[in-house]
Amino acid sequence: MTRGRFITLEGGEGAGKTTAMRTISEWLSRKGREVVITREPGGTAAAERIRELLLDPETGTLTPMSELLLMFAARQENLAGVIRPALSAGTDVVCDRFTDASRAYQGAGRQLGDAAVEALADLVHPDLRPDLTLLLDVPVALGMERIRGREGGPDRMEQSRPDFLERVRQAYLRQAEREPDRFVVIDASRPLPDVSAAIETALEAKWS
């Protein structure tokens, strides 16, 4: 059986990933593909508990290494419980964030560097990388403006300082430059219909 397609969606805070996930899923369904949607951190009951810890503002400060290890603990659960079984069954998987997020948020944003992130990636999923990564790029100021309008207020990551979020954004863009065969950068500052159209264009170019 042919392995399913593994598509990841990345981007900083306020990039509009929820709408983009729906666009990707609907495009795949129209093409007759079976689709599983998941997210990181999260995807399984245990990983969702880790997500609550990581994103709850009441968690307070974590050391960067603790944050990274928790992210990869959740990732391992998501891989074992959702991603790998679906791909093996020939089902496409669309994941809201994956290891590129750890490269950007913990490696660059928290200034841990590349070595720890890559060591954990090699341990947890040495045989797996996304077939396509869509990076929703939005200026930090605009992303934060969008977050301020949300019900419930910002989560622990969204409360980060602008300099942290700018390091995250630039790390994502550098990663996209390094892997142009895998990444497509989408200008997420545009109106939602334009962003959705750009996502569909990228999917058509990859799997037309």
C-alpha atoms as a PDB file:
ATOM      1  CA  MET A   1       0.000   0.000   0.000  1.00  0.00           C
ATOM      2  CA  THR A   2       1.256   3.486  -0.894  1.00  0.00           C
ATOM      3  CA  ARG A   3       2.087   5.651   2.109  1.00  0.00           C
ATOM      4  CA  GLY A   4      -0.209   8.607   2.687  1.00  0.00           C
ATOM      5  CA  ARG A   5       0.909  12.160   2.138  1.00  0.00           C
ATOM      6  CA  PHE A   6       2.274  14.033   5.145  1.00  0.00           C
ATOM      7  CA  ILE A   7       1.506  17.758   5.008  1.00  0.00           C
ATOM      8  CA  THR A   8       2.462  20.179   7.761  1.00  0.00           C
ATOM      9  CA  LEU A   9       1.342  23.728   8.359  1.00  0.00           C
ATOM     10  CA  GLU A  10       3.672  26.149  10.095  1.00  0.00           C
ATOM     11  CA  GLY A  11       3.692  29.807  11.045  1.00  0.00           C
ATOM     12  CA  GLY A  12       3.929  32.276  13.874  1.00  0.00           C
ATOM     13  CA  GLU A  13       1.208  33.482  16.181  1.00  0.00           C
ATOM     14  CA  GLY A  14      -1.862  34.931  14.482  1.00  0.00           C
ATOM     15  CA  ALA A  15      -1.005  33.495  11.066  1.00  0.00           C
ATOM     16  CA  GLY A  16      -4.465  32.011  10.502  1.00  0.00           C
ATOM     17  CA  LYS A  17      -3.638  28.319  10.615  1.00  0.00           C
ATOM     18  CA  THR A  18      -7.159  27.186  11.563  1.00  0.00           C
ATOM     19  CA  THR A  19      -8.663  28.416   8.298  1.00  0.00           C
ATOM     20  CA  ALA A  20      -5.686  27.124   6.355  1.00  0.00           C
ATOM     21  CA  MET A  21      -6.071  23.639   7.843  1.00  0.00           C
ATOM     22  CA  ARG A  22      -9.656  23.576   6.644  1.00  0.00           C
ATOM     23  CA  THR A  23      -8.601  24.673   3.155  1.00  0.00           C
ATOM     24  CA  ILE A  24      -6.020  21.873   2.906  1.00  0.00           C
ATOM     25  CA  SER A  25      -8.398  19.221   4.219  1.00  0.00           C
ATOM     26  CA  GLU A  26     -11.185  20.240   1.860  1.00  0.00           C
ATOM     27  CA  TRP A  27      -8.836  20.270  -1.153  1.00  0.00           C
ATOM     28  CA  LEU A  28      -7.597  16.754  -0.380  1.00  0.00           C
ATOM     29  CA  SER A  29     -11.149  15.502   0.139  1.00  0.00           C
ATOM     30  CA  ARG A  30     -12.196  16.909  -3.228  1.00  0.00           C
ATOM     31  CA  LYS A  31      -9.360  14.901  -4.773  1.00  0.00           C
ATOM     32  CA  GLY A  32     -10.779  11.740  -3.245  1.00  0.00           C
ATOM     33  CA  ARG A  33      -8.167  11.423  -0.526  1.00  0.00           C
ATOM     34  CA  GLU A  34      -8.795  10.107   2.979  1.00  0.00           C
ATOM     35  CA  VAL A  35      -7.570  12.723   5.454  1.00  0.00           C
ATOM     36  CA  VAL A  36      -6.640  12.773   9.140  1.00  0.00           C
ATOM     37  CA  ILE A  37      -6.207  16.139  10.869  1.00  0.00           C
ATOM     38  CA  THR A  38      -3.954  16.475  13.892  1.00  0.00           C
ATOM     39  CA  ARG A  39      -1.992  19.137  15.727  1.00  0.00           C
ATOM     40  CA  GLU A  40       1.112  19.685  17.808  1.00  0.00           C
ATOM     41  CA  PRO A  41       1.429  19.608  20.627  1.00  0.00           C
ATOM     42  CA  GLY A  42      -1.572  17.307  20.784  1.00  0.00           C
ATOM     43  CA  GLY A  43      -3.289  14.649  18.738  1.00  0.00           C
ATOM     44  CA  THR A  44      -3.752  11.991  21.423  1.00  0.00           C
ATOM     45  CA  ALA A  45      -5.203  12.177  24.921  1.00  0.00           C
ATOM     46  CA  ALA A  46      -1.769  12.171  26.543  1.00  0.00           C
ATOM     47  CA  ALA A  47      -0.332  14.680  24.071  1.00  0.00           C
ATOM     48  CA  GLU A  48      -3.303  16.990  24.623  1.00  0.00           C
ATOM     49  CA  ARG A  49      -2.546  16.957  28.356  1.00  0.00           C
ATOM     50  CA  ILE A  50       1.012  18.021  27.563  1.00  0.00           C
ATOM     51  CA  ARG A  51      -0.413  20.754  25.312  1.00  0.00           C
ATOM     52  CA  GLU A  52      -2.465  22.103  28.206  1.00  0.00           C
ATOM     53  CA  LEU A  53       0.670  22.317  30.346  1.00  0.00           C
ATOM     54  CA  LEU A  54       2.706  24.017  27.627  1.00  0.00           C
ATOM     55  CA  LEU A  55       0.115  26.607  26.612  1.00  0.00           C
ATOM     56  CA  ASP A  56      -1.521  27.429  29.951  1.00  0.00           C
ATOM     57  CA  PRO A  57      -0.287  30.866  31.097  1.00  0.00           C
ATOM     58  CA  GLU A  58      -0.487  29.590  34.688  1.00  0.00           C
ATOM     59  CA  THR A  59       2.344  27.144  33.897  1.00  0.00           C
ATOM     60  CA  GLY A  60       4.657  30.128  34.054  1.00  0.00           C
ATOM     61  CA  THR A  61       8.296  29.929  33.058  1.00  0.00           C
ATOM     62  CA  LEU A  62       9.805  26.672  31.825  1.00  0.00           C
ATOM     63  CA  THR A  63      13.453  26.246  31.016  1.00  0.00           C
ATOM     64  CA  PRO A  64      13.932  26.114  27.235  1.00  0.00           C
ATOM     65  CA  MET A  65      15.147  22.512  27.425  1.00  0.00           C
ATOM     66  CA  SER A  66      12.129  21.420  29.470  1.00  0.00           C
ATOM     67  CA  GLU A  67       9.856  23.045  26.902  1.00  0.00           C
ATOM     68  CA  LEU A  68      11.665  21.292  24.057  1.00  0.00           C
ATOM     69  CA  LEU A  69      11.530  17.886  25.748  1.00  0.00           C
ATOM     70  CA  LEU A  70       7.820  18.262  26.441  1.00  0.00           C
ATOM     71  CA  MET A  71       7.220  19.173  22.803  1.00  0.00           C
ATOM     72  CA  PHE A  72       9.004  16.042  21.643  1.00  0.00           C
ATOM     73  CA  ALA A  73       7.232  13.875  24.220  1.00  0.00           C
ATOM     74  CA  ALA A  74       3.917  15.057  22.777  1.00  0.00           C
ATOM     75  CA  ARG A  75       5.274  14.580  19.245  1.00  0.00           C
ATOM     76  CA  GLN A  76       6.250  10.984  19.945  1.00  0.00           C
ATOM     77  CA  GLU A  77       2.727  10.248  21.197  1.00  0.00           C
ATOM     78  CA  ASN A  78       1.171  11.899  18.145  1.00  0.00           C
ATOM     79  CA  LEU A  79       3.464   9.958  15.813  1.00  0.00           C
ATOM     80  CA  ALA A  80       2.748   6.636  17.510  1.00  0.00           C
ATOM     81  CA  GLY A  81      -0.982   7.131  17.974  1.00  0.00           C
ATOM     82  CA  VAL A  82      -2.058   9.134  14.935  1.00  0.00           C
ATOM     83  CA  ILE A  83       0.492  10.051  12.277  1.00  0.00           C
ATOM     84  CA  ARG A  84       2.331   6.807  11.576  1.00  0.00           C
ATOM     85  CA  PRO A  85      -0.770   4.548  11.636  1.00  0.00           C
ATOM     86  CA  ALA A  86      -2.624   6.854   9.240  1.00  0.00           C
ATOM     87  CA  LEU A  87       0.273   7.184   6.813  1.00  0.00           C
ATOM     88  CA  SER A  88       0.837   3.423   6.856  1.00  0.00           C
ATOM     89  CA  ALA A  89      -2.843   2.904   5.974  1.00  0.00           C
ATOM     90  CA  GLY A  90      -2.483   5.188   2.940  1.00  0.00           C
ATOM     91  CA  THR A  91      -4.333   8.061   4.591  1.00  0.00           C
ATOM     92  CA  ASP A  92      -3.095  11.630   4.186  1.00  0.00           C
ATOM     93  CA  VAL A  93      -2.154  13.447   7.385  1.00  0.00           C
ATOM     94  CA  VAL A  94      -2.387  17.207   7.809  1.00  0.00           C
ATOM     95  CA  CYS A  95      -0.588  18.354  10.948  1.00  0.00           C
ATOM     96  CA  ASP A  96      -0.805  21.810  12.499  1.00  0.00           C
ATOM     97  CA  ARG A  97       2.912  22.242  13.355  1.00  0.00           C
ATOM     98  CA  PHE A  98       5.630  19.609  13.492  1.00  0.00           C
ATOM     99  CA  THR A  99       9.380  19.615  14.150  1.00  0.00           C
ATOM    100  CA  ASP A 100       9.964  22.815  12.182  1.00  0.00           C
ATOM    101  CA  ALA A 101       8.053  24.517  15.001  1.00  0.00           C
ATOM    102  CA  SER A 102      10.599  23.228  17.511  1.00  0.00           C
ATOM    103  CA  ARG A 103      13.405  24.514  15.293  1.00  0.00           C
ATOM    104  CA  ALA A 104      11.762  27.929  15.217  1.00  0.00           C
ATOM    105  CA  TYR A 105      10.315  28.259  18.727  1.00  0.00           C
ATOM    106  CA  GLN A 106      12.791  26.433  20.932  1.00  0.00           C
ATOM    107  CA  GLY A 107      15.876  26.372  18.711  1.00  0.00           C
ATOM    108  CA  ALA A 108      15.722  30.024  17.650  1.00  0.00           C
ATOM    109  CA  GLY A 109      13.078  31.697  19.800  1.00  0.00           C
ATOM    110  CA  ARG A 110      14.350  30.233  23.082  1.00  0.00           C
ATOM    111  CA  GLN A 111      17.906  30.310  21.682  1.00  0.00           C
ATOM    112  CA  LEU A 112      18.663  26.646  22.357  1.00  0.00           C
ATOM    113  CA  GLY A 113      20.331  26.276  18.974  1.00  0.00           C
ATOM    114  CA  ASP A 114      20.014  23.517  16.406  1.00  0.00           C
ATOM    115  CA  ALA A 115      21.898  20.644  18.036  1.00  0.00           C
ATOM    116  CA  ALA A 116      19.361  19.618  20.690  1.00  0.00           C
ATOM    117  CA  VAL A 117      16.412  19.897  18.296  1.00  0.00           C
ATOM    118  CA  GLU A 118      18.100  17.831  15.595  1.00  0.00           C
ATOM    119  CA  ALA A 119      19.250  15.200  18.096  1.00  0.00           C
ATOM    120  CA  LEU A 120      15.669  14.692  19.278  1.00  0.00           C
ATOM    121  CA  ALA A 121      14.336  14.699  15.722  1.00  0.00           C
ATOM    122  CA  ASP A 122      16.833  11.994  14.799  1.00  0.00           C
ATOM    123  CA  LEU A 123      15.725   9.980  17.818  1.00  0.00           C
ATOM    124  CA  VAL A 124      11.949  10.381  17.424  1.00  0.00           C
ATOM    125  CA  HIS A 125      11.430  10.369  13.645  1.00  0.00           C
ATOM    126  CA  PRO A 126      14.684   9.667  11.754  1.00  0.00           C
ATOM    127  CA  ASP A 127      12.726   8.088   8.897  1.00  0.00           C
ATOM    128  CA  LEU A 128       9.991  10.676   8.470  1.00  0.00           C
ATOM    129  CA  ARG A 129       9.782  14.222   7.197  1.00  0.00           C
ATOM    130  CA  PRO A 130       6.817  16.090   5.707  1.00  0.00           C
ATOM    131  CA  ASP A 131       6.177  15.779   1.990  1.00  0.00           C
ATOM    132  CA  LEU A 132       5.022  19.393   1.920  1.00  0.00           C
ATOM    133  CA  THR A 133       5.237  22.196   4.467  1.00  0.00           C
ATOM    134  CA  LEU A 134       3.149  25.317   4.011  1.00  0.00           C
ATOM    135  CA  LEU A 135       4.566  28.260   5.946  1.00  0.00           C
ATOM    136  CA  LEU A 136       2.055  31.006   6.709  1.00  0.00           C
ATOM    137  CA  ASP A 137       4.227  34.082   7.053  1.00  0.00           C
ATOM    138  CA  VAL A 138       2.860  37.178   8.750  1.00  0.00           C
ATOM    139  CA  PRO A 139       4.669  40.159  10.304  1.00  0.00           C
ATOM    140  CA  VAL A 140       4.850  39.874  14.085  1.00  0.00           C
ATOM    141  CA  ALA A 141       2.950  43.114  14.715  1.00  0.00           C
ATOM    142  CA  LEU A 142       0.029  42.010  12.537  1.00  0.00           C
ATOM    143  CA  GLY A 143      -0.041  38.549  14.092  1.00  0.00           C
ATOM    144  CA  MET A 144      -0.183  40.012  17.581  1.00  0.00           C
ATOM    145  CA  GLU A 145      -2.943  42.414  16.549  1.00  0.00           C
ATOM    146  CA  ARG A 146      -5.016  39.457  15.380  1.00  0.00           C
ATOM    147  CA  ILE A 147      -4.421  37.588  18.646  1.00  0.00           C
ATOM    148  CA  ARG A 148      -5.616  40.538  20.729  1.00  0.00           C
ATOM    149  CA  GLY A 149      -9.001  40.209  19.085  1.00  0.00           C
ATOM    150  CA  ARG A 150      -9.473  36.582  20.081  1.00  0.00           C
ATOM    151  CA  GLU A 151     -11.882  35.414  22.730  1.00  0.00           C
ATOM    152  CA  GLY A 152     -10.198  34.018  25.841  1.00  0.00           C
ATOM    153  CA  GLY A 153      -6.968  35.988  25.526  1.00  0.00           C
ATOM    154  CA  PRO A 154      -3.492  34.871  24.465  1.00  0.00           C
ATOM    155  CA  ASP A 155      -2.014  31.536  25.527  1.00  0.00           C
ATOM    156  CA  ARG A 156       1.429  31.089  27.056  1.00  0.00           C
ATOM    157  CA  MET A 157       3.240  31.126  23.687  1.00  0.00           C
ATOM    158  CA  GLU A 158       1.186  34.041  22.364  1.00  0.00           C
ATOM    159  CA  GLN A 159       2.208  36.089  25.410  1.00  0.00           C
ATOM    160  CA  SER A 160       5.850  35.978  24.318  1.00  0.00           C
ATOM    161  CA  ARG A 161       7.753  39.197  23.658  1.00  0.00           C
ATOM    162  CA  PRO A 162       7.977  40.588  20.117  1.00  0.00           C
ATOM    163  CA  ASP A 163      11.735  39.944  19.925  1.00  0.00           C
ATOM    164  CA  PHE A 164      11.132  36.248  20.652  1.00  0.00           C
ATOM    165  CA  LEU A 165       8.412  36.090  18.001  1.00  0.00           C
ATOM    166  CA  GLU A 166      10.642  37.829  15.463  1.00  0.00           C
ATOM    167  CA  ARG A 167      13.373  35.237  16.046  1.00  0.00           C
ATOM    168  CA  VAL A 168      10.727  32.557  15.436  1.00  0.00           C
ATOM    169  CA  ARG A 169       9.610  34.184  12.194  1.00  0.00           C
ATOM    170  CA  GLN A 170      13.127  34.592  10.836  1.00  0.00           C
ATOM    171  CA  ALA A 171      14.008  30.993  11.729  1.00  0.00           C
ATOM    172  CA  TYR A 172      11.006  29.771   9.758  1.00  0.00           C
ATOM    173  CA  LEU A 173      12.020  31.836   6.741  1.00  0.00           C
ATOM    174  CA  ARG A 174      15.604  30.545   6.902  1.00  0.00           C
ATOM    175  CA  GLN A 175      14.343  26.973   7.049  1.00  0.00           C
ATOM    176  CA  ALA A 176      12.176  27.611   3.986  1.00  0.00           C
ATOM    177  CA  GLU A 177      15.216  28.945   2.122  1.00  0.00           C
ATOM    178  CA  ARG A 178      17.206  25.837   3.043  1.00  0.00           C
ATOM    179  CA  GLU A 179      14.516  23.417   1.866  1.00  0.00           C
ATOM    180  CA  PRO A 180      12.725  24.951  -1.123  1.00  0.00           C
ATOM    181  CA  ASP A 181      11.755  21.474  -2.316  1.00  0.00           C
ATOM    182  CA  ARG A 182       9.578  20.994   0.774  1.00  0.00           C
ATOM    183  CA  PHE A 183       8.486  24.475   1.841  1.00  0.00           C
ATOM    184  CA  VAL A 184       6.054  26.875   0.218  1.00  0.00           C
ATOM    185  CA  VAL A 185       5.862  30.301   1.867  1.00  0.00           C
ATOM    186  CA  ILE A 186       2.372  31.808   1.876  1.00  0.00           C
ATOM    187  CA  ASP A 187       1.873  35.525   2.529  1.00  0.00           C
ATOM    188  CA  ALA A 188      -0.655  35.300   5.354  1.00  0.00           C
ATOM    189  CA  SER A 189      -1.011  39.058   5.701  1.00  0.00           C
ATOM    190  CA  ARG A 190      -3.375  39.017   2.718  1.00  0.00           C
ATOM    191  CA  PRO A 191      -7.178  38.573   2.982  1.00  0.00           C
ATOM    192  CA  LEU A 192      -8.298  35.031   3.825  1.00  0.00           C
ATOM    193  CA  PRO A 193      -9.665  34.238   0.330  1.00  0.00           C
ATOM    194  CA  ASP A 194      -6.290  35.119  -1.182  1.00  0.00           C
ATOM    195  CA  VAL A 195      -4.455  32.979   1.370  1.00  0.00           C
ATOM    196  CA  SER A 196      -6.763  30.036   0.674  1.00  0.00           C
ATOM    197  CA  ALA A 197      -6.234  30.437  -3.066  1.00  0.00           C
ATOM    198  CA  ALA A 198      -2.451  30.463  -2.602  1.00  0.00           C
ATOM    199  CA  ILE A 199      -2.647  27.285  -0.517  1.00  0.00           C
ATOM    200  CA  GLU A 200      -4.690  25.522  -3.188  1.00  0.00           C
ATOM    201  CA  THR A 201      -2.212  26.678  -5.862  1.00  0.00           C
ATOM    202  CA  ALA A 202       0.646  25.175  -3.843  1.00  0.00           C
ATOM    203  CA  LEU A 203      -1.219  21.882  -3.454  1.00  0.00           C
ATOM    204  CA  GLU A 204      -2.021  21.750  -7.157  1.00  0.00           C
ATOM    205  CA  ALA A 205       1.615  22.398  -8.031  1.00  0.00           C
ATOM    206  CA  LYS A 206       2.736  19.551  -5.791  1.00  0.00           C
ATOM    207  CA  TRP A 207       0.061  17.000  -6.724  1.00  0.00           C
ATOM    208  CA  SER A 208      -1.565  18.110  -9.965  1.00  0.00           C
END
